[in-house]
ModelCIF file with pLDDT and N, C-alpha, C, O atoms, coordinates in Angstrom:
data_MODEL
#
_entry.id   MODEL 
#
_entity.id                         1 
_entity.type                       polymer 
_entity.pdbx_number_of_molecules   1 
#
_entity_poly.entity_id                      1 
_entity_poly.type                           'polypeptide(L)' 
_entity_poly.nstd_linkage                   no 
_entity_poly.nstd_monomer                   no 
_entity_poly.pdbx_seq_one_letter_code       VHEIIEFPIVLLNTHTLEIEDTFQQYVKPEIN 
_entity_poly.pdbx_seq_one_letter_code_can   VHEIIEFPIVLLNTHTLEIEDTFQQYVKPEIN 
_entity_poly.pdbx_strand_id                 A 
#
loop_
_entity_poly_seq.entity_id 
_entity_poly_seq.num 
_entity_poly_seq.mon_id 
_entity_poly_seq.hetero 
1 1  VAL n 
1 2  HIS n 
1 3  GLU n 
1 4  ILE n 
1 5  ILE n 
1 6  GLU n 
1 7  PHE n 
1 8  PRO n 
1 9  ILE n 
1 10 VAL n 
1 11 LEU n 
1 12 LEU n 
1 13 ASN n 
1 14 THR n 
1 15 HIS n 
1 16 THR n 
1 17 LEU n 
1 18 GLU n 
1 19 ILE n 
1 20 GLU n 
1 21 ASP n 
1 22 THR n 
1 23 PHE n 
1 24 GLN n 
1 25 GLN n 
1 26 TYR n 
1 27 VAL n 
1 28 LYS n 
1 29 PRO n 
1 30 GLU n 
1 31 ILE n 
1 32 ASN n 
#
_struct_asym.id          A 
_struct_asym.entity_id   1 
#
loop_
_ma_qa_metric.id 
_ma_qa_metric.mode 
_ma_qa_metric.name 
_ma_qa_metric.software_group_id 
_ma_qa_metric.type 
1 global pLDDT . pLDDT 
2 local  pLDDT . pLDDT 
#
_ma_qa_metric_global.metric_id      1 
_ma_qa_metric_global.metric_value   97.72 
_ma_qa_metric_global.model_id       1 
_ma_qa_metric_global.ordinal_id     1 
#
loop_
_ma_qa_metric_local.label_asym_id 
_ma_qa_metric_local.label_comp_id 
_ma_qa_metric_local.label_seq_id 
_ma_qa_metric_local.metric_id 
_ma_qa_metric_local.metric_value 
_ma_qa_metric_local.model_id 
_ma_qa_metric_local.ordinal_id 
A VAL 1  2 96.00 1 1  
A HIS 2  2 97.00 1 2  
A GLU 3  2 98.00 1 3  
A ILE 4  2 98.00 1 4  
A ILE 5  2 98.00 1 5  
A GLU 6  2 98.00 1 6  
A PHE 7  2 98.00 1 7  
A PRO 8  2 98.00 1 8  
A ILE 9  2 98.00 1 9  
A VAL 10 2 98.00 1 10 
A LEU 11 2 98.00 1 11 
A LEU 12 2 98.00 1 12 
A ASN 13 2 98.00 1 13 
A THR 14 2 98.00 1 14 
A HIS 15 2 97.00 1 15 
A THR 16 2 98.00 1 16 
A LEU 17 2 98.00 1 17 
A GLU 18 2 98.00 1 18 
A ILE 19 2 98.00 1 19 
A GLU 20 2 98.00 1 20 
A ASP 21 2 98.00 1 21 
A THR 22 2 98.00 1 22 
A PHE 23 2 98.00 1 23 
A GLN 24 2 98.00 1 24 
A GLN 25 2 98.00 1 25 
A TYR 26 2 98.00 1 26 
A VAL 27 2 98.00 1 27 
A LYS 28 2 98.00 1 28 
A PRO 29 2 98.00 1 29 
A GLU 30 2 97.00 1 30 
A ILE 31 2 97.00 1 31 
A ASN 32 2 95.00 1 32 
#
loop_
_atom_site.group_PDB 
_atom_site.id 
_atom_site.type_symbol 
_atom_site.label_atom_id 
_atom_site.label_alt_id 
_atom_site.label_comp_id 
_atom_site.label_asym_id 
_atom_site.label_entity_id 
_atom_site.label_seq_id 
_atom_site.pdbx_PDB_ins_code 
_atom_site.Cartn_x 
_atom_site.Cartn_y 
_atom_site.Cartn_z 
_atom_site.occupancy 
_atom_site.B_iso_or_equiv 
_atom_site.pdbx_formal_charge 
_atom_site.auth_seq_id 
_atom_site.auth_comp_id 
_atom_site.auth_asym_id 
_atom_site.auth_atom_id 
_atom_site.pdbx_PDB_model_num 
ATOM 1   N N  . VAL A 1 1  ? -28.317 16.029 78.144 1.00 96.00 ? 1  VAL A N  1 
ATOM 2   C CA . VAL A 1 1  ? -27.087 15.205 77.335 1.00 96.00 ? 1  VAL A CA 1 
ATOM 3   C C  . VAL A 1 1  ? -27.487 16.260 75.629 1.00 96.00 ? 1  VAL A C  1 
ATOM 4   O O  . VAL A 1 1  ? -28.303 16.256 74.708 1.00 96.00 ? 1  VAL A O  1 
ATOM 5   N N  . HIS A 1 2  ? -26.140 17.110 76.148 1.00 97.00 ? 2  HIS A N  1 
ATOM 6   C CA . HIS A 1 2  ? -25.700 17.362 74.175 1.00 97.00 ? 2  HIS A CA 1 
ATOM 7   C C  . HIS A 1 2  ? -25.542 16.488 73.639 1.00 97.00 ? 2  HIS A C  1 
ATOM 8   O O  . HIS A 1 2  ? -24.846 15.507 73.903 1.00 97.00 ? 2  HIS A O  1 
ATOM 9   N N  . GLU A 1 3  ? -26.398 16.797 72.495 1.00 98.00 ? 3  GLU A N  1 
ATOM 10  C CA . GLU A 1 3  ? -26.275 15.931 71.110 1.00 98.00 ? 3  GLU A CA 1 
ATOM 11  C C  . GLU A 1 3  ? -25.587 16.652 70.333 1.00 98.00 ? 3  GLU A C  1 
ATOM 12  O O  . GLU A 1 3  ? -25.509 17.794 70.788 1.00 98.00 ? 3  GLU A O  1 
ATOM 13  N N  . ILE A 1 4  ? -24.755 16.454 68.849 1.00 98.00 ? 4  ILE A N  1 
ATOM 14  C CA . ILE A 1 4  ? -23.996 17.176 67.951 1.00 98.00 ? 4  ILE A CA 1 
ATOM 15  C C  . ILE A 1 4  ? -25.421 17.612 66.939 1.00 98.00 ? 4  ILE A C  1 
ATOM 16  O O  . ILE A 1 4  ? -26.379 16.969 66.509 1.00 98.00 ? 4  ILE A O  1 
ATOM 17  N N  . ILE A 1 5  ? -25.277 18.076 66.906 1.00 98.00 ? 5  ILE A N  1 
ATOM 18  C CA . ILE A 1 5  ? -27.139 18.543 65.253 1.00 98.00 ? 5  ILE A CA 1 
ATOM 19  C C  . ILE A 1 5  ? -25.684 19.379 64.298 1.00 98.00 ? 5  ILE A C  1 
ATOM 20  O O  . ILE A 1 5  ? -25.766 18.974 63.139 1.00 98.00 ? 5  ILE A O  1 
ATOM 21  N N  . GLU A 1 6  ? -24.681 20.186 64.421 1.00 98.00 ? 6  GLU A N  1 
ATOM 22  C CA . GLU A 1 6  ? -24.016 20.618 63.634 1.00 98.00 ? 6  GLU A CA 1 
ATOM 23  C C  . GLU A 1 6  ? -22.622 19.539 63.462 1.00 98.00 ? 6  GLU A C  1 
ATOM 24  O O  . GLU A 1 6  ? -22.089 18.855 64.336 1.00 98.00 ? 6  GLU A O  1 
ATOM 25  N N  . PHE A 1 7  ? -22.343 19.644 62.311 1.00 98.00 ? 7  PHE A N  1 
ATOM 26  C CA . PHE A 1 7  ? -20.973 18.990 62.485 1.00 98.00 ? 7  PHE A CA 1 
ATOM 27  C C  . PHE A 1 7  ? -19.903 19.375 61.130 1.00 98.00 ? 7  PHE A C  1 
ATOM 28  O O  . PHE A 1 7  ? -19.266 18.730 60.297 1.00 98.00 ? 7  PHE A O  1 
ATOM 29  N N  . PRO A 1 8  ? -20.167 21.042 61.517 1.00 98.00 ? 8  PRO A N  1 
ATOM 30  C CA . PRO A 1 8  ? -19.013 22.588 59.832 1.00 98.00 ? 8  PRO A CA 1 
ATOM 31  C C  . PRO A 1 8  ? -17.246 21.758 60.165 1.00 98.00 ? 8  PRO A C  1 
ATOM 32  O O  . PRO A 1 8  ? -16.892 20.972 61.044 1.00 98.00 ? 8  PRO A O  1 
ATOM 33  N N  . ILE A 1 9  ? -16.803 22.130 59.488 1.00 98.00 ? 9  ILE A N  1 
ATOM 34  C CA . ILE A 1 9  ? -15.230 22.425 59.316 1.00 98.00 ? 9  ILE A CA 1 
ATOM 35  C C  . ILE A 1 9  ? -14.479 23.424 58.231 1.00 98.00 ? 9  ILE A C  1 
ATOM 36  O O  . ILE A 1 9  ? -14.882 23.797 57.129 1.00 98.00 ? 9  ILE A O  1 
ATOM 37  N N  . VAL A 1 10 ? -13.962 23.551 58.522 1.00 98.00 ? 10 VAL A N  1 
ATOM 38  C CA . VAL A 1 10 ? -13.213 24.874 57.636 1.00 98.00 ? 10 VAL A CA 1 
ATOM 39  C C  . VAL A 1 10 ? -12.102 24.161 57.572 1.00 98.00 ? 10 VAL A C  1 
ATOM 40  O O  . VAL A 1 10 ? -11.555 23.357 58.326 1.00 98.00 ? 10 VAL A O  1 
ATOM 41  N N  . LEU A 1 11 ? -11.799 24.744 56.205 1.00 98.00 ? 11 LEU A N  1 
ATOM 42  C CA . LEU A 1 11 ? -10.014 23.509 55.672 1.00 98.00 ? 11 LEU A CA 1 
ATOM 43  C C  . LEU A 1 11 ? -9.240  24.718 55.911 1.00 98.00 ? 11 LEU A C  1 
ATOM 44  O O  . LEU A 1 11 ? -9.839  25.454 55.127 1.00 98.00 ? 11 LEU A O  1 
ATOM 45  N N  . LEU A 1 12 ? -8.108  25.645 56.563 1.00 98.00 ? 12 LEU A N  1 
ATOM 46  C CA . LEU A 1 12 ? -7.213  26.531 56.552 1.00 98.00 ? 12 LEU A CA 1 
ATOM 47  C C  . LEU A 1 12 ? -5.709  26.314 55.665 1.00 98.00 ? 12 LEU A C  1 
ATOM 48  O O  . LEU A 1 12 ? -4.888  25.403 55.771 1.00 98.00 ? 12 LEU A O  1 
ATOM 49  N N  . ASN A 1 13 ? -5.706  27.240 54.975 1.00 98.00 ? 13 ASN A N  1 
ATOM 50  C CA . ASN A 1 13 ? -3.916  26.305 54.322 1.00 98.00 ? 13 ASN A CA 1 
ATOM 51  C C  . ASN A 1 13 ? -3.359  27.955 55.149 1.00 98.00 ? 13 ASN A C  1 
ATOM 52  O O  . ASN A 1 13 ? -3.749  29.123 55.152 1.00 98.00 ? 13 ASN A O  1 
ATOM 53  N N  . THR A 1 14 ? -2.472  27.316 55.649 1.00 98.00 ? 14 THR A N  1 
ATOM 54  C CA . THR A 1 14 ? -1.339  27.861 56.951 1.00 98.00 ? 14 THR A CA 1 
ATOM 55  C C  . THR A 1 14 ? -0.100  28.207 55.151 1.00 98.00 ? 14 THR A C  1 
ATOM 56  O O  . THR A 1 14 ? 0.870   28.959 55.248 1.00 98.00 ? 14 THR A O  1 
ATOM 57  N N  . HIS A 1 15 ? -0.248  27.911 54.565 1.00 97.00 ? 15 HIS A N  1 
ATOM 58  C CA . HIS A 1 15 ? 0.778   28.368 53.923 1.00 97.00 ? 15 HIS A CA 1 
ATOM 59  C C  . HIS A 1 15 ? 0.150   29.774 53.328 1.00 97.00 ? 15 HIS A C  1 
ATOM 60  O O  . HIS A 1 15 ? 0.446   30.865 53.815 1.00 97.00 ? 15 HIS A O  1 
ATOM 61  N N  . THR A 1 16 ? -0.883  29.589 52.057 1.00 98.00 ? 16 THR A N  1 
ATOM 62  C CA . THR A 1 16 ? -1.012  30.636 51.830 1.00 98.00 ? 16 THR A CA 1 
ATOM 63  C C  . THR A 1 16 ? -2.569  31.856 52.674 1.00 98.00 ? 16 THR A C  1 
ATOM 64  O O  . THR A 1 16 ? -3.296  32.760 52.261 1.00 98.00 ? 16 THR A O  1 
ATOM 65  N N  . LEU A 1 17 ? -2.322  30.951 54.254 1.00 98.00 ? 17 LEU A N  1 
ATOM 66  C CA . LEU A 1 17 ? -3.371  31.812 54.757 1.00 98.00 ? 17 LEU A CA 1 
ATOM 67  C C  . LEU A 1 17 ? -4.729  32.195 54.339 1.00 98.00 ? 17 LEU A C  1 
ATOM 68  O O  . LEU A 1 17 ? -5.263  33.217 54.770 1.00 98.00 ? 17 LEU A O  1 
ATOM 69  N N  . GLU A 1 18 ? -5.500  31.114 53.216 1.00 98.00 ? 18 GLU A N  1 
ATOM 70  C CA . GLU A 1 18 ? -6.816  31.167 53.062 1.00 98.00 ? 18 GLU A CA 1 
ATOM 71  C C  . GLU A 1 18 ? -7.416  30.132 53.104 1.00 98.00 ? 18 GLU A C  1 
ATOM 72  O O  . GLU A 1 18 ? -7.055  29.113 52.514 1.00 98.00 ? 18 GLU A O  1 
ATOM 73  N N  . ILE A 1 19 ? -8.252  30.217 53.687 1.00 98.00 ? 19 ILE A N  1 
ATOM 74  C CA . ILE A 1 19 ? -10.132 29.220 53.410 1.00 98.00 ? 19 ILE A CA 1 
ATOM 75  C C  . ILE A 1 19 ? -9.583  28.274 51.825 1.00 98.00 ? 19 ILE A C  1 
ATOM 76  O O  . ILE A 1 19 ? -9.674  28.763 50.699 1.00 98.00 ? 19 ILE A O  1 
ATOM 77  N N  . GLU A 1 20 ? -9.198  27.294 52.034 1.00 98.00 ? 20 GLU A N  1 
ATOM 78  C CA . GLU A 1 20 ? -9.525  26.409 50.676 1.00 98.00 ? 20 GLU A CA 1 
ATOM 79  C C  . GLU A 1 20 ? -11.030 25.931 51.046 1.00 98.00 ? 20 GLU A C  1 
ATOM 80  O O  . GLU A 1 20 ? -11.783 26.111 50.089 1.00 98.00 ? 20 GLU A O  1 
ATOM 81  N N  . ASP A 1 21 ? -11.791 25.259 52.401 1.00 98.00 ? 21 ASP A N  1 
ATOM 82  C CA . ASP A 1 21 ? -12.184 24.809 50.990 1.00 98.00 ? 21 ASP A CA 1 
ATOM 83  C C  . ASP A 1 21 ? -13.217 24.605 52.725 1.00 98.00 ? 21 ASP A C  1 
ATOM 84  O O  . ASP A 1 21 ? -12.561 24.844 53.738 1.00 98.00 ? 21 ASP A O  1 
ATOM 85  N N  . THR A 1 22 ? -15.136 24.074 52.971 1.00 98.00 ? 22 THR A N  1 
ATOM 86  C CA . THR A 1 22 ? -15.474 24.077 53.905 1.00 98.00 ? 22 THR A CA 1 
ATOM 87  C C  . THR A 1 22 ? -16.318 23.161 53.569 1.00 98.00 ? 22 THR A C  1 
ATOM 88  O O  . THR A 1 22 ? -16.734 22.770 52.479 1.00 98.00 ? 22 THR A O  1 
ATOM 89  N N  . PHE A 1 23 ? -16.712 22.582 55.678 1.00 98.00 ? 23 PHE A N  1 
ATOM 90  C CA . PHE A 1 23 ? -17.363 21.151 55.193 1.00 98.00 ? 23 PHE A CA 1 
ATOM 91  C C  . PHE A 1 23 ? -18.808 21.063 56.085 1.00 98.00 ? 23 PHE A C  1 
ATOM 92  O O  . PHE A 1 23 ? -18.440 20.872 57.244 1.00 98.00 ? 23 PHE A O  1 
ATOM 93  N N  . GLN A 1 24 ? -20.332 21.121 56.046 1.00 98.00 ? 24 GLN A N  1 
ATOM 94  C CA . GLN A 1 24 ? -20.809 21.636 56.976 1.00 98.00 ? 24 GLN A CA 1 
ATOM 95  C C  . GLN A 1 24 ? -22.227 19.902 56.674 1.00 98.00 ? 24 GLN A C  1 
ATOM 96  O O  . GLN A 1 24 ? -22.696 19.517 55.603 1.00 98.00 ? 24 GLN A O  1 
ATOM 97  N N  . GLN A 1 25 ? -22.403 19.473 57.731 1.00 98.00 ? 25 GLN A N  1 
ATOM 98  C CA . GLN A 1 25 ? -23.546 18.675 57.339 1.00 98.00 ? 25 GLN A CA 1 
ATOM 99  C C  . GLN A 1 25 ? -24.050 19.206 59.307 1.00 98.00 ? 25 GLN A C  1 
ATOM 100 O O  . GLN A 1 25 ? -23.541 19.703 60.311 1.00 98.00 ? 25 GLN A O  1 
ATOM 101 N N  . TYR A 1 26 ? -26.050 18.347 58.539 1.00 98.00 ? 26 TYR A N  1 
ATOM 102 C CA . TYR A 1 26 ? -26.343 18.559 59.937 1.00 98.00 ? 26 TYR A CA 1 
ATOM 103 C C  . TYR A 1 26 ? -26.573 16.915 60.684 1.00 98.00 ? 26 TYR A C  1 
ATOM 104 O O  . TYR A 1 26 ? -25.986 15.917 60.267 1.00 98.00 ? 26 TYR A O  1 
ATOM 105 N N  . VAL A 1 27 ? -27.374 16.913 61.644 1.00 98.00 ? 27 VAL A N  1 
ATOM 106 C CA . VAL A 1 27 ? -27.101 15.293 62.300 1.00 98.00 ? 27 VAL A CA 1 
ATOM 107 C C  . VAL A 1 27 ? -28.274 15.627 63.048 1.00 98.00 ? 27 VAL A C  1 
ATOM 108 O O  . VAL A 1 27 ? -28.534 16.609 63.743 1.00 98.00 ? 27 VAL A O  1 
ATOM 109 N N  . LYS A 1 28 ? -29.229 14.127 62.622 1.00 98.00 ? 28 LYS A N  1 
ATOM 110 C CA . LYS A 1 28 ? -29.934 13.651 63.823 1.00 98.00 ? 28 LYS A CA 1 
ATOM 111 C C  . LYS A 1 28 ? -29.765 13.424 65.007 1.00 98.00 ? 28 LYS A C  1 
ATOM 112 O O  . LYS A 1 28 ? -28.833 12.669 65.284 1.00 98.00 ? 28 LYS A O  1 
ATOM 113 N N  . PRO A 1 29 ? -30.724 14.073 66.297 1.00 98.00 ? 29 PRO A N  1 
ATOM 114 C CA . PRO A 1 29 ? -30.560 13.806 67.414 1.00 98.00 ? 29 PRO A CA 1 
ATOM 115 C C  . PRO A 1 29 ? -31.032 12.464 67.458 1.00 98.00 ? 29 PRO A C  1 
ATOM 116 O O  . PRO A 1 29 ? -31.429 12.025 66.378 1.00 98.00 ? 29 PRO A O  1 
ATOM 117 N N  . GLU A 1 30 ? -31.108 11.390 68.853 1.00 97.00 ? 30 GLU A N  1 
ATOM 118 C CA . GLU A 1 30 ? -31.208 10.711 69.362 1.00 97.00 ? 30 GLU A CA 1 
ATOM 119 C C  . GLU A 1 30 ? -31.747 10.169 70.334 1.00 97.00 ? 30 GLU A C  1 
ATOM 120 O O  . GLU A 1 30 ? -32.405 9.130  70.268 1.00 97.00 ? 30 GLU A O  1 
ATOM 121 N N  . ILE A 1 31 ? -31.420 11.122 71.818 1.00 97.00 ? 31 ILE A N  1 
ATOM 122 C CA . ILE A 1 31 ? -31.634 11.048 72.775 1.00 97.00 ? 31 ILE A CA 1 
ATOM 123 C C  . ILE A 1 31 ? -33.206 12.291 72.473 1.00 97.00 ? 31 ILE A C  1 
ATOM 124 O O  . ILE A 1 31 ? -34.359 11.944 72.731 1.00 97.00 ? 31 ILE A O  1 
ATOM 125 N N  . ASN A 1 32 ? -33.009 13.024 72.173 1.00 95.00 ? 32 ASN A N  1 
ATOM 126 C CA . ASN A 1 32 ? -33.645 13.987 72.212 1.00 95.00 ? 32 ASN A CA 1 
ATOM 127 C C  . ASN A 1 32 ? -33.911 14.358 70.589 1.00 95.00 ? 32 ASN A C  1 
ATOM 128 O O  . ASN A 1 32 ? -34.571 15.351 70.283 1.00 95.00 ? 32 ASN A O  1 
#
C-alpha cells in the first residue's frame, strides 16, 4: 500500500509563464 510522504505544489502563472510560489510538506505514513 503506497502512502503519500511528500506533498509538493508548484504554482505556475499562465499569463507571465513564471513560477510564482511553491509549497512542500512531508507526511508521516501510518500503515508502513
